[in-house]
Amino acid sequence: MDKIVRKLEAAPPTPGAPDPQGRRTITLHVDAETRERQLKHAIVTGGSTSPFEVYSDEGFYLGGDDSAPSPLAYFSLGIAF
């Protein structure tokens, strides 16, 4: 694991056209897998951004290696952004 978050493609996909009420539908697809101990790996695709590869891990007190942000850290980051 070289990076915790890595962009997989250079060009972002074209976002969908709005519906008659001016709303857009955002569809995300996540392929996630559990690796050794508490390490998780996911590839996120869809929406209006390029696909990204993401790693998550838990701290030592939960049986992880503390090698990447925890799932709760990513959740909190999403709320903050």
C-alpha atoms as a PDB file:
ATOM      1  CA  MET A   1       0.000   0.000   0.000  1.00  0.00           C
ATOM      2  CA  ASP A   2       1.820   3.096  -1.274  1.00  0.00           C
ATOM      3  CA  LYS A   3      -0.935   5.651  -0.701  1.00  0.00           C
ATOM      4  CA  ILE A   4      -4.067   5.661   1.441  1.00  0.00           C
ATOM      5  CA  VAL A   5      -6.150   7.346  -1.294  1.00  0.00           C
ATOM      6  CA  ARG A   6      -5.175   7.121  -4.950  1.00  0.00           C
ATOM      7  CA  LYS A   7      -6.897   8.420  -8.096  1.00  0.00           C
ATOM      8  CA  LEU A   8      -7.318   5.647 -10.673  1.00  0.00           C
ATOM      9  CA  GLU A   9      -8.210   7.650 -13.813  1.00  0.00           C
ATOM     10  CA  ALA A  10      -7.184  11.096 -15.018  1.00  0.00           C
ATOM     11  CA  ALA A  11     -10.387  12.352 -16.682  1.00  0.00           C
ATOM     12  CA  PRO A  12     -13.629  12.673 -14.685  1.00  0.00           C
ATOM     13  CA  PRO A  13     -16.772  11.194 -16.232  1.00  0.00           C
ATOM     14  CA  THR A  14     -19.458  13.526 -17.565  1.00  0.00           C
ATOM     15  CA  PRO A  15     -22.202  14.160 -14.981  1.00  0.00           C
ATOM     16  CA  GLY A  16     -25.762  13.183 -15.829  1.00  0.00           C
ATOM     17  CA  ALA A  17     -28.269  15.636 -17.241  1.00  0.00           C
ATOM     18  CA  PRO A  18     -30.805  17.153 -14.839  1.00  0.00           C
ATOM     19  CA  ASP A  19     -34.363  15.805 -14.814  1.00  0.00           C
ATOM     20  CA  PRO A  20     -37.340  18.089 -15.697  1.00  0.00           C
ATOM     21  CA  GLN A  21     -37.367  19.542 -12.152  1.00  0.00           C
ATOM     22  CA  GLY A  22     -33.667  20.458 -12.417  1.00  0.00           C
ATOM     23  CA  ARG A  23     -32.497  17.666 -10.072  1.00  0.00           C
ATOM     24  CA  ARG A  24     -29.538  15.411 -10.744  1.00  0.00           C
ATOM     25  CA  THR A  25     -29.152  11.806  -9.715  1.00  0.00           C
ATOM     26  CA  ILE A  26     -25.794  10.834  -8.241  1.00  0.00           C
ATOM     27  CA  THR A  27     -24.976   7.140  -8.260  1.00  0.00           C
ATOM     28  CA  LEU A  28     -21.869   5.827  -6.517  1.00  0.00           C
ATOM     29  CA  HIS A  29     -20.578   2.274  -6.662  1.00  0.00           C
ATOM     30  CA  VAL A  30     -18.206   0.887  -4.032  1.00  0.00           C
ATOM     31  CA  ASP A  31     -16.327  -2.412  -4.244  1.00  0.00           C
ATOM     32  CA  ALA A  32     -14.922  -3.108  -0.774  1.00  0.00           C
ATOM     33  CA  GLU A  33     -12.979  -6.000   0.692  1.00  0.00           C
ATOM     34  CA  THR A  34     -11.503  -6.878   4.052  1.00  0.00           C
ATOM     35  CA  ARG A  35      -7.783  -7.568   4.048  1.00  0.00           C
ATOM     36  CA  GLU A  36      -5.546  -8.763   6.908  1.00  0.00           C
ATOM     37  CA  ARG A  37      -6.523  -7.833  10.454  1.00  0.00           C
ATOM     38  CA  GLN A  38      -8.745  -4.673  10.291  1.00  0.00           C
ATOM     39  CA  LEU A  39      -7.431  -3.298   6.966  1.00  0.00           C
ATOM     40  CA  LYS A  40     -10.104  -2.570   4.337  1.00  0.00           C
ATOM     41  CA  HIS A  41      -9.675  -1.681   0.655  1.00  0.00           C
ATOM     42  CA  ALA A  42     -12.320  -0.063  -1.567  1.00  0.00           C
ATOM     43  CA  ILE A  43     -12.659   1.323  -5.068  1.00  0.00           C
ATOM     44  CA  VAL A  44     -15.233   4.116  -5.410  1.00  0.00           C
ATOM     45  CA  THR A  45     -16.674   4.898  -8.848  1.00  0.00           C
ATOM     46  CA  GLY A  46     -19.535   7.011 -10.168  1.00  0.00           C
ATOM     47  CA  GLY A  47     -20.839  10.456  -9.460  1.00  0.00           C
ATOM     48  CA  SER A  48     -19.004  13.301 -11.163  1.00  0.00           C
ATOM     49  CA  THR A  49     -15.475  12.337 -10.101  1.00  0.00           C
ATOM     50  CA  SER A  50     -12.819   9.908 -11.255  1.00  0.00           C
ATOM     51  CA  PRO A  51     -12.607   6.492  -9.577  1.00  0.00           C
ATOM     52  CA  PHE A  52     -10.556   6.389  -6.379  1.00  0.00           C
ATOM     53  CA  GLU A  53      -8.885   3.579  -4.463  1.00  0.00           C
ATOM     54  CA  VAL A  54      -9.190   3.989  -0.670  1.00  0.00           C
ATOM     55  CA  TYR A  55      -7.756   2.142   2.344  1.00  0.00           C
ATOM     56  CA  SER A  56      -9.093   2.151   5.888  1.00  0.00           C
ATOM     57  CA  ASP A  57      -7.731   0.609   9.082  1.00  0.00           C
ATOM     58  CA  GLU A  58      -8.520   0.585  12.777  1.00  0.00           C
ATOM     59  CA  GLY A  59      -6.230   1.529  15.640  1.00  0.00           C
ATOM     60  CA  PHE A  60      -4.239  -0.965  17.697  1.00  0.00           C
ATOM     61  CA  TYR A  61      -6.901  -1.059  20.409  1.00  0.00           C
ATOM     62  CA  LEU A  62      -9.381  -2.552  17.880  1.00  0.00           C
ATOM     63  CA  GLY A  63      -6.943  -5.083  16.433  1.00  0.00           C
ATOM     64  CA  GLY A  64      -5.739  -2.983  13.487  1.00  0.00           C
ATOM     65  CA  ASP A  65      -2.337  -1.627  12.556  1.00  0.00           C
ATOM     66  CA  ASP A  66      -3.328   2.089  12.447  1.00  0.00           C
ATOM     67  CA  SER A  67      -1.973   2.251   8.871  1.00  0.00           C
ATOM     68  CA  ALA A  68      -4.844   4.334   7.431  1.00  0.00           C
ATOM     69  CA  PRO A  69      -7.755   6.455   8.693  1.00  0.00           C
ATOM     70  CA  SER A  70     -10.555   4.571  10.440  1.00  0.00           C
ATOM     71  CA  PRO A  71     -13.997   4.231   8.819  1.00  0.00           C
ATOM     72  CA  LEU A  72     -15.338   6.708  11.401  1.00  0.00           C
ATOM     73  CA  ALA A  73     -12.655   9.210  10.371  1.00  0.00           C
ATOM     74  CA  TYR A  74     -13.770   8.984   6.729  1.00  0.00           C
ATOM     75  CA  PHE A  75     -17.416   9.366   7.780  1.00  0.00           C
ATOM     76  CA  SER A  76     -16.584  12.462   9.868  1.00  0.00           C
ATOM     77  CA  LEU A  77     -14.537  13.889   7.015  1.00  0.00           C
ATOM     78  CA  GLY A  78     -17.487  13.473   4.634  1.00  0.00           C
ATOM     79  CA  ILE A  79     -19.779  15.354   7.002  1.00  0.00           C
ATOM     80  CA  ALA A  80     -17.227  18.148   7.434  1.00  0.00           C
ATOM     81  CA  PHE A  81     -16.738  18.570   3.690  1.00  0.00           C
END
